[in-house]
């Protein structure tokens, strides 16, 4: 059995801890490292590596602290160029990090280099982690768990435009609700056990609407919104 802990999932900062047995991975490094230390009971040795999706501050603000604690950090070229000590992961390669196997997929996020990650572990099966993207043009085989951005609703963006609150980044570089659900259906297989939606915009999304749509369209799958301190158990099968 594996466990996912949401440290934060918003424009203020993003970070998630994925734990399988004695090994853990940090997904993004956008929160105060004191929170990271607390969630691993101050035993930093549990963290076998950190995966960063892209260079924006809400995902890398506390990356220097991970390097300070001599954790191995992995990401794309642009992150490695900004932070000395980051390991570049090549597209098309499979890497072993602790007891995890990791592959990268480039995803569109404006003019910013950004990676999604396929993470495999014998305790949980296959997890897809994809955040800060405007599209996901792939078919990933046999996902057991999907962590996917659902940042905004086009209807709410239009309403906010009428009120004079236009956010170009939300509308052009982040995944909207309709496209998010289209991608989820495309990736859905009988093995899919859980869906965790990430990085909801405070201005441009409605959490209640998204929850209702999740329950309607995926009634037999465990579905979650990545609220702070959410904990989710992840397994290969339902039983």
Protein backbone atom coordinates (compact mmCIF):
# COMPACT_ATOMS: atom_id res chain seq x y z
CA UNK A 1 0.00 0.00 0.00
CA UNK A 2 1.22 3.50 -0.89
CA UNK A 3 0.14 6.87 0.48
CA UNK A 4 -0.07 10.32 -1.06
CA UNK A 5 0.05 13.39 1.20
CA UNK A 6 -0.88 16.80 -0.20
CA UNK A 7 1.30 19.51 1.36
CA UNK A 8 -0.16 22.24 -0.85
CA UNK A 9 -1.78 22.54 -4.27
CA UNK A 10 -2.34 26.14 -5.32
CA UNK A 11 -0.65 29.16 -6.86
CA UNK A 12 0.84 29.84 -3.42
CA UNK A 13 2.85 26.63 -3.58
CA UNK A 14 2.70 23.03 -4.75
CA UNK A 15 4.17 19.92 -3.17
CA UNK A 16 3.08 16.30 -2.65
CA UNK A 17 4.72 13.42 -0.82
CA UNK A 18 4.37 9.96 -2.32
CA UNK A 19 5.31 7.19 0.14
CA UNK A 20 5.70 3.49 -0.62
CA UNK A 21 7.05 1.42 2.25
CA UNK A 22 10.19 3.11 3.58
CA UNK A 23 10.76 5.13 0.39
CA UNK A 24 9.24 8.49 -0.51
CA UNK A 25 9.30 10.87 -3.46
CA UNK A 26 8.59 14.59 -3.27
CA UNK A 27 6.62 15.90 -6.23
CA UNK A 28 7.42 19.61 -6.66
CA UNK A 29 9.10 21.84 -4.10
CA UNK A 30 6.92 24.89 -3.64
CA UNK A 31 6.23 24.77 0.12
CA UNK A 32 8.17 25.61 3.26
CA UNK A 33 10.59 22.77 3.90
CA UNK A 34 9.58 22.66 7.57
CA UNK A 35 6.30 21.11 6.40
CA UNK A 36 8.21 18.50 4.43
CA UNK A 37 10.34 17.60 7.44
CA UNK A 38 7.27 17.28 9.64
CA UNK A 39 5.42 14.92 7.29
CA UNK A 40 8.43 12.53 7.18
CA UNK A 41 8.82 12.67 10.98
CA UNK A 42 12.07 14.61 10.55
CA UNK A 43 13.75 11.59 8.95
CA UNK A 44 15.00 13.08 5.69
CA UNK A 45 16.51 9.72 4.70
CA UNK A 46 13.02 8.53 3.76
CA UNK A 47 13.00 10.88 0.76
CA UNK A 48 14.82 9.12 -2.09
CA UNK A 49 14.35 11.94 -4.57
CA UNK A 50 12.42 15.05 -5.60
CA UNK A 51 10.74 15.52 -8.98
CA UNK A 52 10.09 19.08 -10.13
CA UNK A 53 7.69 19.73 -12.99
CA UNK A 54 9.02 23.12 -14.11
CA UNK A 55 10.79 26.29 -13.11
CA UNK A 56 7.95 28.49 -11.78
CA UNK A 57 8.36 29.60 -8.18
CA UNK A 58 5.21 27.92 -6.84
CA UNK A 59 6.90 24.61 -7.77
CA UNK A 60 10.59 25.38 -7.05
CA UNK A 61 10.68 28.09 -4.36
CA UNK A 62 12.09 25.71 -1.75
CA UNK A 63 14.21 23.61 -4.10
CA UNK A 64 17.43 25.10 -2.62
CA UNK A 65 16.43 23.65 0.76
CA UNK A 66 16.16 20.17 -0.75
CA UNK A 67 19.69 20.55 -2.12
CA UNK A 68 20.83 21.90 1.26
CA UNK A 69 19.64 18.64 2.84
CA UNK A 70 21.55 16.78 0.10
CA UNK A 71 18.41 15.34 -1.46
CA UNK A 72 18.59 14.33 -5.10
CA UNK A 73 16.46 16.63 -7.23
CA UNK A 74 15.41 15.73 -10.77
CA UNK A 75 13.82 17.92 -13.42
CA UNK A 76 14.14 19.40 -16.91
CA UNK A 77 17.04 21.40 -18.36
CA UNK A 78 15.71 24.86 -17.51
CA UNK A 79 15.39 23.98 -13.81
CA UNK A 80 18.88 22.46 -13.77
CA UNK A 81 20.31 25.60 -15.38
CA UNK A 82 18.82 27.80 -12.66
CA UNK A 83 19.62 25.55 -9.67
CA UNK A 84 23.10 24.04 -9.59
CA UNK A 85 22.94 20.41 -8.49
CA UNK A 86 19.67 19.41 -10.16
CA UNK A 87 19.81 16.24 -12.25
CA UNK A 88 18.35 16.44 -15.77
CA UNK A 89 16.00 13.60 -16.72
CA UNK A 90 15.97 12.70 -20.40
CA UNK A 91 12.76 12.09 -22.29
CA UNK A 92 12.28 8.45 -23.27
CA UNK A 93 14.44 7.02 -20.49
CA UNK A 94 13.28 5.08 -17.43
CA UNK A 95 15.07 5.90 -14.17
CA UNK A 96 15.17 4.11 -10.85
CA UNK A 97 14.92 6.42 -7.82
CA UNK A 98 14.90 4.41 -4.61
CA UNK A 99 12.27 1.72 -5.23
CA UNK A 100 10.40 3.89 -7.77
CA UNK A 101 10.69 3.82 -11.55
CA UNK A 102 10.23 7.18 -13.25
CA UNK A 103 9.68 8.32 -16.85
CA UNK A 104 9.19 11.85 -18.16
CA UNK A 105 6.75 13.33 -20.67
CA UNK A 106 7.07 16.91 -21.95
CA UNK A 107 3.81 18.86 -21.67
CA UNK A 108 2.88 22.32 -23.01
CA UNK A 109 2.87 25.19 -20.50
CA UNK A 110 3.21 28.37 -22.52
CA UNK A 111 6.86 28.97 -23.35
CA UNK A 112 7.99 27.16 -20.18
CA UNK A 113 9.65 23.74 -20.33
CA UNK A 114 7.52 21.39 -18.22
CA UNK A 115 7.52 17.67 -17.40
CA UNK A 116 4.78 15.26 -16.45
CA UNK A 117 5.90 12.05 -14.74
CA UNK A 118 4.92 8.41 -14.96
CA UNK A 119 5.82 6.75 -11.65
CA UNK A 120 5.74 2.99 -11.13
CA UNK A 121 6.05 1.10 -7.85
CA UNK A 122 5.11 -2.46 -6.99
CA UNK A 123 3.00 -1.30 -4.01
CA UNK A 124 0.76 1.07 -5.98
CA UNK A 125 1.10 0.23 -9.66
CA UNK A 126 1.35 3.17 -12.06
CA UNK A 127 0.72 6.82 -11.21
CA UNK A 128 0.60 9.74 -13.65
CA UNK A 129 1.50 13.17 -12.25
CA UNK A 130 0.73 16.06 -14.62
CA UNK A 131 0.37 19.66 -13.51
CA UNK A 132 0.64 23.13 -15.10
CA UNK A 133 -0.18 22.17 -18.67
CA UNK A 134 -2.57 23.27 -21.38
CA UNK A 135 -2.94 19.78 -22.91
CA UNK A 136 -1.89 16.17 -22.40
CA UNK A 137 -1.52 14.63 -25.89
CA UNK A 138 -0.61 11.12 -24.74
CA UNK A 139 -2.19 7.77 -24.07
CA UNK A 140 -0.54 6.27 -20.99
CA UNK A 141 -1.17 2.56 -20.61
CA UNK A 142 -2.68 1.03 -17.48
CA UNK A 143 -2.72 3.95 -15.05
CA UNK A 144 -3.82 2.95 -11.57
CA UNK A 145 -3.78 6.54 -10.30
CA UNK A 146 -3.96 9.92 -12.00
CA UNK A 147 -2.90 13.26 -10.50
CA UNK A 148 -3.99 15.87 -13.04
CA UNK A 149 -4.41 19.63 -13.05
CA UNK A 150 -7.95 21.01 -13.23
CA UNK A 151 -7.14 24.68 -12.95
CA UNK A 152 -10.05 26.59 -14.34
CA UNK A 153 -13.46 26.72 -16.00
CA UNK A 154 -13.83 28.66 -19.24
CA UNK A 155 -17.25 29.88 -18.10
CA UNK A 156 -15.75 31.37 -14.95
CA UNK A 157 -12.91 32.96 -16.90
CA UNK A 158 -15.47 34.67 -19.15
CA UNK A 159 -17.48 35.81 -16.12
CA UNK A 160 -14.32 37.22 -14.55
CA UNK A 161 -13.43 39.00 -17.80
CA UNK A 162 -16.80 40.77 -17.65
CA UNK A 163 -15.89 41.90 -14.13
CA UNK A 164 -12.46 43.07 -15.33
CA UNK A 165 -10.43 40.20 -13.87
CA UNK A 166 -8.84 38.55 -16.94
CA UNK A 167 -6.06 36.06 -16.24
CA UNK A 168 -4.19 35.28 -19.46
CA UNK A 169 -2.07 32.57 -17.84
CA UNK A 170 -5.10 30.64 -16.59
CA UNK A 171 -6.82 30.67 -19.96
CA UNK A 172 -3.78 29.86 -22.14
CA UNK A 173 -1.27 27.84 -20.12
CA UNK A 174 -3.34 25.83 -17.60
CA UNK A 175 -5.73 22.92 -18.05
CA UNK A 176 -9.42 23.82 -18.00
CA UNK A 177 -12.10 21.58 -16.55
CA UNK A 178 -13.58 20.34 -19.85
CA UNK A 179 -10.20 19.33 -21.28
CA UNK A 180 -9.23 17.78 -17.94
CA UNK A 181 -12.26 15.50 -17.99
CA UNK A 182 -11.73 14.63 -21.66
CA UNK A 183 -8.18 13.54 -20.82
CA UNK A 184 -9.35 11.54 -17.81
CA UNK A 185 -11.83 9.61 -19.96
CA UNK A 186 -9.12 8.98 -22.55
CA UNK A 187 -6.82 7.55 -19.89
CA UNK A 188 -9.52 5.59 -18.07
CA UNK A 189 -9.06 1.81 -17.95
CA UNK A 190 -10.51 -0.92 -15.70
CA UNK A 191 -7.32 -0.63 -13.60
CA UNK A 192 -7.88 3.04 -12.71
CA UNK A 193 -8.41 3.24 -8.94
CA UNK A 194 -8.11 6.91 -8.07
CA UNK A 195 -8.19 10.43 -9.53
CA UNK A 196 -6.69 13.40 -7.68
CA UNK A 197 -7.30 16.81 -9.27
CA UNK A 198 -4.61 19.43 -8.70
CA UNK A 199 -3.98 23.17 -8.70
CA UNK A 200 -7.54 24.53 -8.74
CA UNK A 201 -7.60 28.28 -9.26
CA UNK A 202 -9.18 30.30 -6.44
CA UNK A 203 -10.54 32.80 -8.99
CA UNK A 204 -11.31 30.68 -12.02
CA UNK A 205 -12.70 27.38 -10.72
CA UNK A 206 -15.51 26.15 -8.50
CA UNK A 207 -14.54 23.21 -6.30
CA UNK A 208 -18.15 22.13 -5.67
CA UNK A 209 -18.90 22.02 -9.39
CA UNK A 210 -15.80 19.93 -10.03
CA UNK A 211 -16.67 17.51 -7.21
CA UNK A 212 -20.18 17.05 -8.58
CA UNK A 213 -18.88 16.37 -12.06
CA UNK A 214 -16.34 13.86 -10.75
CA UNK A 215 -19.04 11.89 -8.97
CA UNK A 216 -21.28 11.93 -12.04
CA UNK A 217 -18.68 10.94 -14.62
CA UNK A 218 -16.51 8.59 -12.51
CA UNK A 219 -18.96 7.03 -10.02
CA UNK A 220 -16.94 3.87 -9.29
CA UNK A 221 -13.50 5.52 -9.00
CA UNK A 222 -12.10 7.11 -5.84
CA UNK A 223 -11.97 10.83 -6.68
CA UNK A 224 -10.36 13.65 -4.71
CA UNK A 225 -9.57 17.35 -4.86
CA UNK A 226 -6.00 18.00 -3.69
CA UNK A 227 -6.81 20.10 -0.65
CA UNK A 228 -4.03 20.84 1.81
CA UNK A 229 -3.21 17.91 4.16
CA UNK A 230 -5.32 15.45 2.15
CA UNK A 231 -4.06 11.88 2.55
CA UNK A 232 -4.94 9.20 0.00
CA UNK A 233 -4.10 5.50 0.11
CA UNK A 234 -3.03 4.14 -3.26
CA UNK A 235 -3.11 0.48 -4.28
CA UNK A 236 -2.99 -1.55 -7.48
CA UNK A 237 -6.47 -2.97 -7.01
CA UNK A 238 -9.60 -2.02 -5.14
CA UNK A 239 -9.38 -4.95 -2.69
